[in-house]
Structure formats: C-alpha cells, structure tokens
Amino acid sequence: MKHLKRFNESLELKFLPGVKALTPEEISLNKEELRDFCETHLAYLLDEGFELKIYGGSQLTSNDNVIKQNPFQISLVKQDQSIFSWHDIIDQFLPFLKFLKDNYNLEKVDPSSTVPYHRKADIKFVDYRWHGIMYQTKGLLEEKHNALDTKKLREVYFRISLNNKSVSSKHVIH
C-alpha cells in the first residue's frame, strides 16, 4: 500500500498558456472588477433604464485535465425588456467598446458557426424577432454599422476573457 498514491495526488492538472488556477474569490473579484468597469463606462445608459447582466467566468477542467477559463458573458438590455434602437445607445456604446477592447479580451460570440463572418464576430445584437446580428468590434469602431441604423434591438451581447490582458481595478475615463 505504500506505493499507491491517493487519487488526488496522481491527478496532474495542466493549464492553458496564460491561465492560472483561480479561487472562487478571485473569480468573484474579477467579475466585480468587470461589472465596475462596465457600469462606469455605461453609466448614462444604466441611468436611462438599461441593465447589465454578467455571468460565467468559472474555470472548467476538460477530460484531459486541462484547466480553461470560461469567458464572462455580458448582456446589455432594457430593464423592462422593451425594444431600443441603435441610435439610443451609439453615443455611449462606441466609446465603451473602445475602452473594453483596450482593457479586456473580446471573445468570439459564435466560434463554431458554419457562417465564416459569424465565427469572427465578437459582438452580437439581438433584434426584436430574436435574430442575431453579428459584428466585429473593428467594424463598429470604424463606424461600419449601417445595418443597425433601422433595427429594433432587444440585447447587445459579448464575451470577455481575462487571460492575456492585465486588468486594473482603476479605470480612467478620458
């Protein structure tokens, strides 16, 4: 029996590059920092009846014992679930998107899609019929968003990972 290892002693966990084991407290702190960042940069929209929903961010262990950080999933919706237009949010959302891109890693919203453009998209707008309108951050920041001008929207959705960019709890608005 002295040569047998306990189950947890023989389990060797491997981490993806840039991923470290996080305690539940660290995951919670990351989520709160992300919430604070979003609320700071979207304060005007939140005062106008919008709401942020942030979930995810946990760590997962795959079958081969590789630990991966699950991205945070963020939705911007109206608190009363009403419809809004792109023009209702554009003046606040585009500067927020720039700060977000500079401070966090935007993940693809549908990386397994069979539609090439959808695989590359990192922002998803959901219209009043629950159809997804996919965009890349670069296109939105270059003001290539004509298709959104007439859309009635329910939600703006994106995914964030914390793996490669350093996140500070101090956020400066220029």
C-alpha atoms as a PDB file:
ATOM      1  CA  MET A   1       0.000   0.000   0.000  1.00  0.00           C
ATOM      2  CA  LYS A   2       2.913   2.360   0.441  1.00  0.00           C
ATOM      3  CA  HIS A   3       3.355   2.524  -3.370  1.00  0.00           C
ATOM      4  CA  LEU A   4      -0.233   3.505  -4.096  1.00  0.00           C
ATOM      5  CA  LYS A   5      -0.978   7.186  -4.495  1.00  0.00           C
ATOM      6  CA  ARG A   6      -4.129   8.802  -3.329  1.00  0.00           C
ATOM      7  CA  PHE A   7      -6.482   9.712  -6.142  1.00  0.00           C
ATOM      8  CA  ASN A   8      -5.876  13.466  -5.869  1.00  0.00           C
ATOM      9  CA  GLU A   9      -2.094  13.008  -5.676  1.00  0.00           C
ATOM     10  CA  SER A  10      -1.989  11.246  -9.040  1.00  0.00           C
ATOM     11  CA  LEU A  11      -4.172  13.833 -10.744  1.00  0.00           C
ATOM     12  CA  GLU A  12      -1.951  16.248 -12.640  1.00  0.00           C
ATOM     13  CA  LEU A  13      -3.718  19.374 -13.803  1.00  0.00           C
ATOM     14  CA  LYS A  14      -2.391  21.262 -16.803  1.00  0.00           C
ATOM     15  CA  PHE A  15      -3.126  24.872 -17.562  1.00  0.00           C
ATOM     16  CA  LEU A  16      -3.520  26.511 -20.935  1.00  0.00           C
ATOM     17  CA  PRO A  17      -0.933  29.227 -21.625  1.00  0.00           C
ATOM     18  CA  GLY A  18      -1.872  32.364 -19.698  1.00  0.00           C
ATOM     19  CA  VAL A  19      -4.355  30.555 -17.453  1.00  0.00           C
ATOM     20  CA  LYS A  20      -3.744  30.079 -13.757  1.00  0.00           C
ATOM     21  CA  ALA A  21      -5.867  28.399 -11.145  1.00  0.00           C
ATOM     22  CA  LEU A  22      -8.263  30.891  -9.622  1.00  0.00           C
ATOM     23  CA  THR A  23     -10.065  30.569  -6.343  1.00  0.00           C
ATOM     24  CA  PRO A  24     -13.814  31.238  -6.298  1.00  0.00           C
ATOM     25  CA  GLU A  25     -12.970  34.500  -4.508  1.00  0.00           C
ATOM     26  CA  GLU A  26     -10.642  35.574  -7.353  1.00  0.00           C
ATOM     27  CA  ILE A  27     -13.286  34.725  -9.960  1.00  0.00           C
ATOM     28  CA  SER A  28     -15.814  36.759  -7.975  1.00  0.00           C
ATOM     29  CA  LEU A  29     -13.355  39.665  -7.717  1.00  0.00           C
ATOM     30  CA  ASN A  30     -12.718  39.541 -11.491  1.00  0.00           C
ATOM     31  CA  LYS A  31     -16.462  39.592 -12.082  1.00  0.00           C
ATOM     32  CA  GLU A  32     -16.887  42.593  -9.763  1.00  0.00           C
ATOM     33  CA  GLU A  33     -13.999  44.453 -11.473  1.00  0.00           C
ATOM     34  CA  LEU A  34     -15.597  43.733 -14.843  1.00  0.00           C
ATOM     35  CA  ARG A  35     -19.005  44.898 -13.568  1.00  0.00           C
ATOM     36  CA  ASP A  36     -17.437  48.081 -12.156  1.00  0.00           C
ATOM     37  CA  PHE A  37     -15.666  48.742 -15.470  1.00  0.00           C
ATOM     38  CA  CYS A  38     -18.872  48.266 -17.475  1.00  0.00           C
ATOM     39  CA  GLU A  39     -21.038  50.292 -15.091  1.00  0.00           C
ATOM     40  CA  THR A  40     -18.510  53.150 -15.056  1.00  0.00           C
ATOM     41  CA  HIS A  41     -18.395  53.396 -18.843  1.00  0.00           C
ATOM     42  CA  LEU A  42     -22.106  52.772 -19.405  1.00  0.00           C
ATOM     43  CA  ALA A  43     -23.420  54.893 -16.507  1.00  0.00           C
ATOM     44  CA  TYR A  44     -25.559  57.097 -18.744  1.00  0.00           C
ATOM     45  CA  LEU A  45     -27.297  54.101 -20.326  1.00  0.00           C
ATOM     46  CA  LEU A  46     -27.842  52.482 -16.938  1.00  0.00           C
ATOM     47  CA  ASP A  47     -29.452  55.735 -15.742  1.00  0.00           C
ATOM     48  CA  GLU A  48     -31.686  55.598 -18.824  1.00  0.00           C
ATOM     49  CA  GLY A  49     -33.159  52.210 -17.884  1.00  0.00           C
ATOM     50  CA  PHE A  50     -30.599  49.757 -19.257  1.00  0.00           C
ATOM     51  CA  GLU A  51     -29.278  46.831 -17.253  1.00  0.00           C
ATOM     52  CA  LEU A  52     -26.072  44.781 -17.370  1.00  0.00           C
ATOM     53  CA  LYS A  53     -26.225  41.039 -16.936  1.00  0.00           C
ATOM     54  CA  ILE A  54     -22.862  39.386 -16.290  1.00  0.00           C
ATOM     55  CA  TYR A  55     -22.474  35.653 -15.834  1.00  0.00           C
ATOM     56  CA  GLY A  56     -19.898  32.944 -16.429  1.00  0.00           C
ATOM     57  CA  GLY A  57     -16.182  33.292 -15.781  1.00  0.00           C
ATOM     58  CA  SER A  58     -15.745  29.989 -13.992  1.00  0.00           C
ATOM     59  CA  GLN A  59     -12.891  27.613 -14.629  1.00  0.00           C
ATOM     60  CA  LEU A  60     -13.501  24.315 -16.331  1.00  0.00           C
ATOM     61  CA  THR A  61     -11.412  21.171 -16.330  1.00  0.00           C
ATOM     62  CA  SER A  62     -11.657  19.140 -19.514  1.00  0.00           C
ATOM     63  CA  ASN A  63     -11.392  15.363 -19.774  1.00  0.00           C
ATOM     64  CA  ASP A  64      -7.635  15.639 -20.282  1.00  0.00           C
ATOM     65  CA  ASN A  65      -7.258  17.675 -17.037  1.00  0.00           C
ATOM     66  CA  VAL A  66      -6.587  20.967 -18.833  1.00  0.00           C
ATOM     67  CA  ILE A  67      -7.971  23.962 -16.969  1.00  0.00           C
ATOM     68  CA  LYS A  68      -9.616  26.645 -19.097  1.00  0.00           C
ATOM     69  CA  GLN A  69     -11.125  29.954 -18.075  1.00  0.00           C
ATOM     70  CA  ASN A  70     -14.736  30.186 -19.164  1.00  0.00           C
ATOM     71  CA  PRO A  71     -15.386  33.680 -20.615  1.00  0.00           C
ATOM     72  CA  PHE A  72     -17.657  36.139 -18.862  1.00  0.00           C
ATOM     73  CA  GLN A  73     -20.851  36.666 -20.832  1.00  0.00           C
ATOM     74  CA  ILE A  74     -22.322  40.152 -20.786  1.00  0.00           C
ATOM     75  CA  SER A  75     -25.692  41.367 -21.968  1.00  0.00           C
ATOM     76  CA  LEU A  76     -26.966  44.925 -22.156  1.00  0.00           C
ATOM     77  CA  VAL A  77     -30.761  45.021 -22.137  1.00  0.00           C
ATOM     78  CA  LYS A  78     -33.540  47.375 -21.095  1.00  0.00           C
ATOM     79  CA  GLN A  79     -34.645  46.691 -17.521  1.00  0.00           C
ATOM     80  CA  ASP A  80     -38.273  46.432 -18.639  1.00  0.00           C
ATOM     81  CA  GLN A  81     -37.257  44.182 -21.574  1.00  0.00           C
ATOM     82  CA  SER A  82     -38.512  46.789 -24.052  1.00  0.00           C
ATOM     83  CA  ILE A  83     -37.123  47.360 -27.532  1.00  0.00           C
ATOM     84  CA  PHE A  84     -34.490  50.033 -28.212  1.00  0.00           C
ATOM     85  CA  SER A  85     -32.692  51.353 -31.267  1.00  0.00           C
ATOM     86  CA  TRP A  86     -29.010  51.584 -32.132  1.00  0.00           C
ATOM     87  CA  HIS A  87     -29.350  55.374 -32.006  1.00  0.00           C
ATOM     88  CA  ASP A  88     -30.428  55.093 -28.340  1.00  0.00           C
ATOM     89  CA  ILE A  89     -27.049  53.625 -27.369  1.00  0.00           C
ATOM     90  CA  ILE A  90     -24.496  54.556 -30.051  1.00  0.00           C
ATOM     91  CA  ASP A  91     -23.055  57.652 -28.345  1.00  0.00           C
ATOM     92  CA  GLN A  92     -22.269  55.725 -25.150  1.00  0.00           C
ATOM     93  CA  PHE A  93     -21.676  52.250 -26.520  1.00  0.00           C
ATOM     94  CA  LEU A  94     -18.944  53.018 -29.072  1.00  0.00           C
ATOM     95  CA  PRO A  95     -16.613  54.776 -26.560  1.00  0.00           C
ATOM     96  CA  PHE A  96     -17.316  51.958 -24.082  1.00  0.00           C
ATOM     97  CA  LEU A  97     -16.426  49.399 -26.752  1.00  0.00           C
ATOM     98  CA  LYS A  98     -13.095  51.138 -27.376  1.00  0.00           C
ATOM     99  CA  PHE A  99     -12.227  51.084 -23.640  1.00  0.00           C
ATOM    100  CA  LEU A 100     -13.411  47.488 -23.382  1.00  0.00           C
ATOM    101  CA  LYS A 101     -11.210  46.398 -26.278  1.00  0.00           C
ATOM    102  CA  ASP A 102      -8.223  48.201 -24.735  1.00  0.00           C
ATOM    103  CA  ASN A 103      -8.686  46.555 -21.310  1.00  0.00           C
ATOM    104  CA  TYR A 104     -10.151  43.107 -21.940  1.00  0.00           C
ATOM    105  CA  ASN A 105     -10.098  40.296 -24.486  1.00  0.00           C
ATOM    106  CA  LEU A 106     -13.282  40.168 -26.526  1.00  0.00           C
ATOM    107  CA  GLU A 107     -14.050  36.550 -27.401  1.00  0.00           C
ATOM    108  CA  LYS A 108     -15.905  35.355 -30.478  1.00  0.00           C
ATOM    109  CA  VAL A 109     -19.624  35.044 -29.726  1.00  0.00           C
ATOM    110  CA  ASP A 110     -20.221  32.056 -32.011  1.00  0.00           C
ATOM    111  CA  PRO A 111     -16.855  30.437 -32.860  1.00  0.00           C
ATOM    112  CA  SER A 112     -18.452  27.167 -34.010  1.00  0.00           C
ATOM    113  CA  SER A 113     -20.779  28.798 -36.552  1.00  0.00           C
ATOM    114  CA  THR A 114     -20.716  27.476 -40.107  1.00  0.00           C
ATOM    115  CA  VAL A 115     -21.031  31.048 -41.383  1.00  0.00           C
ATOM    116  CA  PRO A 116     -17.484  32.488 -41.665  1.00  0.00           C
ATOM    117  CA  TYR A 117     -18.477  36.048 -40.732  1.00  0.00           C
ATOM    118  CA  HIS A 118     -20.333  34.785 -37.642  1.00  0.00           C
ATOM    119  CA  ARG A 119     -17.231  32.872 -36.499  1.00  0.00           C
ATOM    120  CA  LYS A 120     -15.265  36.143 -36.475  1.00  0.00           C
ATOM    121  CA  ALA A 121     -17.898  38.290 -34.742  1.00  0.00           C
ATOM    122  CA  ASP A 122     -17.287  39.420 -31.176  1.00  0.00           C
ATOM    123  CA  ILE A 123     -20.460  41.486 -30.665  1.00  0.00           C
ATOM    124  CA  LYS A 124     -23.969  40.178 -31.172  1.00  0.00           C
ATOM    125  CA  PHE A 125     -27.018  42.398 -31.412  1.00  0.00           C
ATOM    126  CA  VAL A 126     -30.345  40.637 -30.915  1.00  0.00           C
ATOM    127  CA  ASP A 127     -33.267  42.224 -32.730  1.00  0.00           C
ATOM    128  CA  TYR A 128     -36.926  42.302 -31.698  1.00  0.00           C
ATOM    129  CA  ARG A 129     -37.558  38.976 -33.509  1.00  0.00           C
ATOM    130  CA  TRP A 130     -34.685  37.329 -31.564  1.00  0.00           C
ATOM    131  CA  HIS A 131     -32.442  37.187 -34.639  1.00  0.00           C
ATOM    132  CA  GLY A 132     -28.721  37.691 -34.074  1.00  0.00           C
ATOM    133  CA  ILE A 133     -26.882  40.420 -35.949  1.00  0.00           C
ATOM    134  CA  MET A 134     -23.163  39.727 -35.735  1.00  0.00           C
ATOM    135  CA  TYR A 135     -20.468  42.386 -35.801  1.00  0.00           C
ATOM    136  CA  GLN A 136     -16.755  42.652 -35.331  1.00  0.00           C
ATOM    137  CA  THR A 137     -15.532  45.332 -32.946  1.00  0.00           C
ATOM    138  CA  LYS A 138     -13.246  46.762 -35.610  1.00  0.00           C
ATOM    139  CA  GLY A 139     -16.171  47.401 -37.956  1.00  0.00           C
ATOM    140  CA  LEU A 140     -18.254  49.086 -35.285  1.00  0.00           C
ATOM    141  CA  LEU A 141     -15.380  51.328 -34.215  1.00  0.00           C
ATOM    142  CA  GLU A 142     -14.764  52.261 -37.862  1.00  0.00           C
ATOM    143  CA  GLU A 143     -18.441  53.240 -37.988  1.00  0.00           C
ATOM    144  CA  LYS A 144     -19.421  50.445 -40.347  1.00  0.00           C
ATOM    145  CA  HIS A 145     -22.757  49.812 -38.688  1.00  0.00           C
ATOM    146  CA  ASN A 146     -25.337  50.952 -41.244  1.00  0.00           C
ATOM    147  CA  ALA A 147     -27.290  47.711 -40.907  1.00  0.00           C
ATOM    148  CA  LEU A 148     -28.063  48.602 -37.280  1.00  0.00           C
ATOM    149  CA  ASP A 149     -29.496  52.035 -38.073  1.00  0.00           C
ATOM    150  CA  THR A 150     -33.039  50.772 -38.643  1.00  0.00           C
ATOM    151  CA  LYS A 151     -33.037  47.731 -36.343  1.00  0.00           C
ATOM    152  CA  LYS A 152     -35.206  47.410 -33.276  1.00  0.00           C
ATOM    153  CA  LEU A 153     -32.988  45.757 -30.669  1.00  0.00           C
ATOM    154  CA  ARG A 154     -33.549  43.678 -27.549  1.00  0.00           C
ATOM    155  CA  GLU A 155     -29.984  42.975 -26.450  1.00  0.00           C
ATOM    156  CA  VAL A 156     -26.298  43.594 -27.032  1.00  0.00           C
ATOM    157  CA  TYR A 157     -24.210  40.532 -26.162  1.00  0.00           C
ATOM    158  CA  PHE A 158     -20.479  39.919 -25.912  1.00  0.00           C
ATOM    159  CA  ARG A 159     -17.992  37.618 -24.172  1.00  0.00           C
ATOM    160  CA  ILE A 160     -14.874  38.644 -22.253  1.00  0.00           C
ATOM    161  CA  SER A 161     -11.864  36.675 -21.107  1.00  0.00           C
ATOM    162  CA  LEU A 162      -9.205  37.897 -18.698  1.00  0.00           C
ATOM    163  CA  ASN A 163      -6.368  35.623 -19.796  1.00  0.00           C
ATOM    164  CA  ASN A 164      -3.878  37.847 -21.591  1.00  0.00           C
ATOM    165  CA  LYS A 165      -4.504  41.477 -20.714  1.00  0.00           C
ATOM    166  CA  SER A 166      -3.800  42.852 -17.285  1.00  0.00           C
ATOM    167  CA  VAL A 167      -6.887  44.231 -15.636  1.00  0.00           C
ATOM    168  CA  SER A 168      -6.597  47.006 -13.128  1.00  0.00           C
ATOM    169  CA  SER A 169      -9.289  47.965 -10.688  1.00  0.00           C
ATOM    170  CA  LYS A 170      -8.599  51.604 -11.594  1.00  0.00           C
ATOM    171  CA  HIS A 171     -10.370  52.704 -14.739  1.00  0.00           C
ATOM    172  CA  VAL A 172      -9.696  56.117 -16.180  1.00  0.00           C
ATOM    173  CA  ILE A 173     -12.191  57.895 -18.394  1.00  0.00           C
ATOM    174  CA  HIS A 174     -10.530  60.334 -20.771  1.00  0.00           C
END
